[in-house]
Amino acid sequence: MLRTTSIAATAAVAAVFAASPTASAADETTQYRAVVVAGGKPVGVVEGQQWGTYGMLRDASGDRIGDASITCVAEKARDKRVLAKCTHVLRVHGQGRLVVQGMHHYKDQTVMPGTADPMRLNIVRGSGYYAGASGPVDVIEVIGGYTYTFGPTG
């Protein structure tokens, strides 16, 4: 199961990533992609159920720069819909960690990519290069892994 999540953070967060190899100025975006290699939301989720996902983290050029893990717990599970609180941890070799957290709303109980509605998550903490990062995060699930795009919201 592969998923892609696109994230656009505030301009204040963009300054944290300005020195990243994939961004040359604070008004540009930085993009990371987590290619899922294990785990994911199971079929038939019930309230209180937990699951995890692990992926290789790559930069916009495709070079491996670290790893990512996502842990979720189902807050509500009704019919085909699931509301889960999820935490994303991005670990970039030599730079530090970034933690993003919020609610995922899944439209159905399949493991098919694209079953989550667009989400608003928040950067809750960072370490190393990402220390002090904060702000809202917009997340969209699509096929292929998780794509994180940090930059100005416009």
C-alpha atoms as a PDB file:
ATOM      1  CA  MET A   1       0.000   0.000   0.000  1.00  0.00           C
ATOM      2  CA  LEU A   2       1.491   3.304  -1.026  1.00  0.00           C
ATOM      3  CA  ARG A   3       0.238   6.764  -0.207  1.00  0.00           C
ATOM      4  CA  THR A   4       1.407  10.274  -0.970  1.00  0.00           C
ATOM      5  CA  THR A   5       0.721  13.261   1.206  1.00  0.00           C
ATOM      6  CA  SER A   6       1.382  16.812   0.113  1.00  0.00           C
ATOM      7  CA  ILE A   7       2.034  19.373   2.840  1.00  0.00           C
ATOM      8  CA  ALA A   8       2.139  23.156   2.514  1.00  0.00           C
ATOM      9  CA  ALA A   9       3.274  24.952   5.696  1.00  0.00           C
ATOM     10  CA  THR A  10       3.347  28.652   6.591  1.00  0.00           C
ATOM     11  CA  ALA A  11       5.948  31.152   5.372  1.00  0.00           C
ATOM     12  CA  ALA A  12       7.504  31.167   8.845  1.00  0.00           C
ATOM     13  CA  VAL A  13       8.211  27.468   8.510  1.00  0.00           C
ATOM     14  CA  ALA A  14       9.659  28.037   5.036  1.00  0.00           C
ATOM     15  CA  ALA A  15      12.476  30.041   6.608  1.00  0.00           C
ATOM     16  CA  VAL A  16      13.472  26.946   8.595  1.00  0.00           C
ATOM     17  CA  PHE A  17      13.866  25.018   5.339  1.00  0.00           C
ATOM     18  CA  ALA A  18      15.476  27.808   3.300  1.00  0.00           C
ATOM     19  CA  ALA A  19      18.963  26.291   3.703  1.00  0.00           C
ATOM     20  CA  SER A  20      17.752  22.867   2.587  1.00  0.00           C
ATOM     21  CA  PRO A  21      19.457  21.516  -0.536  1.00  0.00           C
ATOM     22  CA  THR A  22      16.102  21.558  -2.362  1.00  0.00           C
ATOM     23  CA  ALA A  23      15.216  25.220  -1.625  1.00  0.00           C
ATOM     24  CA  SER A  24      17.175  28.309  -2.588  1.00  0.00           C
ATOM     25  CA  ALA A  25      15.009  31.027  -1.008  1.00  0.00           C
ATOM     26  CA  ALA A  26      12.384  31.391   1.696  1.00  0.00           C
ATOM     27  CA  ASP A  27       9.676  31.979  -0.930  1.00  0.00           C
ATOM     28  CA  GLU A  28      10.327  28.596  -2.562  1.00  0.00           C
ATOM     29  CA  THR A  29       9.128  25.204  -1.399  1.00  0.00           C
ATOM     30  CA  THR A  30      11.086  22.218  -0.129  1.00  0.00           C
ATOM     31  CA  GLN A  31       9.795  18.779  -0.991  1.00  0.00           C
ATOM     32  CA  TYR A  32      10.452  15.434   0.680  1.00  0.00           C
ATOM     33  CA  ARG A  33       8.905  12.108  -0.308  1.00  0.00           C
ATOM     34  CA  ALA A  34       8.427   9.107   1.963  1.00  0.00           C
ATOM     35  CA  VAL A  35       8.171   5.946  -0.125  1.00  0.00           C
ATOM     36  CA  VAL A  36       6.187   3.502   2.008  1.00  0.00           C
ATOM     37  CA  VAL A  37       7.930   0.159   2.510  1.00  0.00           C
ATOM     38  CA  ALA A  38       5.886  -1.340   5.376  1.00  0.00           C
ATOM     39  CA  GLY A  39       2.605  -1.008   7.236  1.00  0.00           C
ATOM     40  CA  GLY A  40      -0.417   1.170   6.562  1.00  0.00           C
ATOM     41  CA  LYS A  41      -4.057   1.405   7.596  1.00  0.00           C
ATOM     42  CA  PRO A  42      -5.597  -2.080   7.810  1.00  0.00           C
ATOM     43  CA  VAL A  43      -9.065  -3.059   6.570  1.00  0.00           C
ATOM     44  CA  GLY A  44     -11.841  -3.260   9.173  1.00  0.00           C
ATOM     45  CA  VAL A  45     -10.511  -0.663  11.631  1.00  0.00           C
ATOM     46  CA  VAL A  46     -12.304  -0.425  14.989  1.00  0.00           C
ATOM     47  CA  GLU A  47     -12.204   2.413  17.532  1.00  0.00           C
ATOM     48  CA  GLY A  48      -8.998   2.356  19.569  1.00  0.00           C
ATOM     49  CA  GLN A  49      -7.082   0.307  16.988  1.00  0.00           C
ATOM     50  CA  GLN A  50      -3.503   1.406  16.270  1.00  0.00           C
ATOM     51  CA  TRP A  51      -1.348   0.995  13.175  1.00  0.00           C
ATOM     52  CA  GLY A  52       1.911   2.273  11.752  1.00  0.00           C
ATOM     53  CA  THR A  53       3.615   2.988   8.459  1.00  0.00           C
ATOM     54  CA  TYR A  54       7.327   3.212   7.644  1.00  0.00           C
ATOM     55  CA  GLY A  55       8.973   4.770   4.610  1.00  0.00           C
ATOM     56  CA  MET A  56      12.297   5.807   3.089  1.00  0.00           C
ATOM     57  CA  LEU A  57      12.595   9.603   2.953  1.00  0.00           C
ATOM     58  CA  ARG A  58      13.872  11.118  -0.295  1.00  0.00           C
ATOM     59  CA  ASP A  59      14.466  14.684  -1.447  1.00  0.00           C
ATOM     60  CA  ALA A  60      12.967  16.238  -4.596  1.00  0.00           C
ATOM     61  CA  SER A  61      15.768  14.763  -6.759  1.00  0.00           C
ATOM     62  CA  GLY A  62      15.078  11.254  -5.434  1.00  0.00           C
ATOM     63  CA  ASP A  63      18.170  10.893  -3.242  1.00  0.00           C
ATOM     64  CA  ARG A  64      17.614   9.036   0.031  1.00  0.00           C
ATOM     65  CA  ILE A  65      17.980  11.530   2.889  1.00  0.00           C
ATOM     66  CA  GLY A  66      16.435   9.673   5.838  1.00  0.00           C
ATOM     67  CA  ASP A  67      13.273   7.893   6.878  1.00  0.00           C
ATOM     68  CA  ALA A  68       9.723   8.574   8.016  1.00  0.00           C
ATOM     69  CA  SER A  69       7.257   6.845  10.300  1.00  0.00           C
ATOM     70  CA  ILE A  70       3.558   7.425  10.841  1.00  0.00           C
ATOM     71  CA  THR A  71       1.589   6.091  13.800  1.00  0.00           C
ATOM     72  CA  CYS A  72      -2.198   6.320  14.042  1.00  0.00           C
ATOM     73  CA  VAL A  73      -4.965   5.439  16.476  1.00  0.00           C
ATOM     74  CA  ALA A  74      -8.625   5.264  15.408  1.00  0.00           C
ATOM     75  CA  GLU A  75     -10.690   7.779  17.373  1.00  0.00           C
ATOM     76  CA  LYS A  76     -13.975   6.928  15.558  1.00  0.00           C
ATOM     77  CA  ALA A  77     -14.898   4.079  13.234  1.00  0.00           C
ATOM     78  CA  ARG A  78     -18.411   4.040  11.794  1.00  0.00           C
ATOM     79  CA  ASP A  79     -19.622   2.124   8.768  1.00  0.00           C
ATOM     80  CA  LYS A  80     -16.945   2.772   6.142  1.00  0.00           C
ATOM     81  CA  ARG A  81     -15.469   5.951   7.674  1.00  0.00           C
ATOM     82  CA  VAL A  82     -12.510   6.200  10.059  1.00  0.00           C
ATOM     83  CA  LEU A  83     -11.263   9.251  11.975  1.00  0.00           C
ATOM     84  CA  ALA A  84      -7.723   8.693  13.261  1.00  0.00           C
ATOM     85  CA  LYS A  85      -5.187  10.798  15.163  1.00  0.00           C
ATOM     86  CA  CYS A  86      -1.845  10.407  13.399  1.00  0.00           C
ATOM     87  CA  THR A  87       1.737  11.496  14.084  1.00  0.00           C
ATOM     88  CA  HIS A  88       4.283  11.772  11.244  1.00  0.00           C
ATOM     89  CA  VAL A  89       7.984  11.796  12.172  1.00  0.00           C
ATOM     90  CA  LEU A  90      10.444  12.769   9.421  1.00  0.00           C
ATOM     91  CA  ARG A  91      14.103  12.022  10.214  1.00  0.00           C
ATOM     92  CA  VAL A  92      16.610  13.698   7.892  1.00  0.00           C
ATOM     93  CA  HIS A  93      20.194  12.378   8.159  1.00  0.00           C
ATOM     94  CA  GLY A  94      22.483  15.024   9.651  1.00  0.00           C
ATOM     95  CA  GLN A  95      19.697  17.618   9.995  1.00  0.00           C
ATOM     96  CA  GLY A  96      17.252  16.435  12.660  1.00  0.00           C
ATOM     97  CA  ARG A  97      13.607  15.494  13.052  1.00  0.00           C
ATOM     98  CA  LEU A  98      10.275  17.103  12.240  1.00  0.00           C
ATOM     99  CA  VAL A  99       7.041  15.972  13.930  1.00  0.00           C
ATOM    100  CA  VAL A 100       3.642  16.625  12.292  1.00  0.00           C
ATOM    101  CA  GLN A 101       0.377  15.656  13.996  1.00  0.00           C
ATOM    102  CA  GLY A 102      -3.372  15.789  13.417  1.00  0.00           C
ATOM    103  CA  MET A 103      -6.530  13.956  12.370  1.00  0.00           C
ATOM    104  CA  HIS A 104      -6.846  11.785   9.249  1.00  0.00           C
ATOM    105  CA  HIS A 105     -10.374  11.189   7.897  1.00  0.00           C
ATOM    106  CA  TYR A 106     -10.659   8.064   5.770  1.00  0.00           C
ATOM    107  CA  LYS A 107     -13.687   7.820   3.460  1.00  0.00           C
ATOM    108  CA  ASP A 108     -13.806   4.036   3.443  1.00  0.00           C
ATOM    109  CA  GLN A 109     -12.360   0.906   5.017  1.00  0.00           C
ATOM    110  CA  THR A 110     -10.195  -0.133   2.061  1.00  0.00           C
ATOM    111  CA  VAL A 111      -6.414  -0.004   1.883  1.00  0.00           C
ATOM    112  CA  MET A 112      -6.606   1.740  -1.487  1.00  0.00           C
ATOM    113  CA  PRO A 113      -4.612   4.966  -1.806  1.00  0.00           C
ATOM    114  CA  GLY A 114      -6.726   8.091  -2.025  1.00  0.00           C
ATOM    115  CA  THR A 115      -9.256   7.069   0.634  1.00  0.00           C
ATOM    116  CA  ALA A 116      -8.384   9.956   2.971  1.00  0.00           C
ATOM    117  CA  ASP A 117      -9.983  13.396   2.697  1.00  0.00           C
ATOM    118  CA  PRO A 118      -7.694  16.451   2.591  1.00  0.00           C
ATOM    119  CA  MET A 119      -6.416  17.112   6.126  1.00  0.00           C
ATOM    120  CA  ARG A 120      -5.084  20.019   8.163  1.00  0.00           C
ATOM    121  CA  LEU A 121      -2.222  18.894  10.423  1.00  0.00           C
ATOM    122  CA  ASN A 122       0.230  20.912  12.516  1.00  0.00           C
ATOM    123  CA  ILE A 123       3.983  20.882  12.929  1.00  0.00           C
ATOM    124  CA  VAL A 124       4.299  20.205  16.670  1.00  0.00           C
ATOM    125  CA  ARG A 125       8.070  20.127  17.111  1.00  0.00           C
ATOM    126  CA  GLY A 126      11.404  19.816  15.439  1.00  0.00           C
ATOM    127  CA  SER A 127      14.984  19.096  16.431  1.00  0.00           C
ATOM    128  CA  GLY A 128      18.358  20.082  15.024  1.00  0.00           C
ATOM    129  CA  TYR A 129      17.921  22.033  11.800  1.00  0.00           C
ATOM    130  CA  TYR A 130      14.121  22.007  12.343  1.00  0.00           C
ATOM    131  CA  ALA A 131      14.135  23.287  15.952  1.00  0.00           C
ATOM    132  CA  GLY A 132      11.400  25.885  16.377  1.00  0.00           C
ATOM    133  CA  ALA A 133       9.415  24.861  13.289  1.00  0.00           C
ATOM    134  CA  SER A 134       5.641  25.290  13.708  1.00  0.00           C
ATOM    135  CA  GLY A 135       2.512  26.023  11.713  1.00  0.00           C
ATOM    136  CA  PRO A 136      -0.492  24.484   9.972  1.00  0.00           C
ATOM    137  CA  VAL A 137       0.034  21.680   7.463  1.00  0.00           C
ATOM    138  CA  ASP A 138      -2.340  20.751   4.628  1.00  0.00           C
ATOM    139  CA  VAL A 139      -2.246  17.044   3.742  1.00  0.00           C
ATOM    140  CA  ILE A 140      -3.645  15.334   0.642  1.00  0.00           C
ATOM    141  CA  GLU A 141      -3.408  11.566   0.167  1.00  0.00           C
ATOM    142  CA  VAL A 142      -2.524  10.270  -3.319  1.00  0.00           C
ATOM    143  CA  ILE A 143      -0.765   7.239  -4.814  1.00  0.00           C
ATOM    144  CA  GLY A 144       2.975   6.571  -4.372  1.00  0.00           C
ATOM    145  CA  GLY A 145       4.076   7.310  -0.804  1.00  0.00           C
ATOM    146  CA  TYR A 146       3.941  10.508   1.235  1.00  0.00           C
ATOM    147  CA  THR A 147       5.087  13.753  -0.377  1.00  0.00           C
ATOM    148  CA  TYR A 148       5.761  16.586   2.075  1.00  0.00           C
ATOM    149  CA  THR A 149       5.954  20.063   0.565  1.00  0.00           C
ATOM    150  CA  PHE A 150       7.016  22.856   2.933  1.00  0.00           C
ATOM    151  CA  GLY A 151       6.737  26.435   1.835  1.00  0.00           C
ATOM    152  CA  PRO A 152       4.665  29.603   1.807  1.00  0.00           C
ATOM    153  CA  THR A 153       0.897  29.177   1.774  1.00  0.00           C
ATOM    154  CA  GLY A 154       0.469  32.079  -0.591  1.00  0.00           C
END
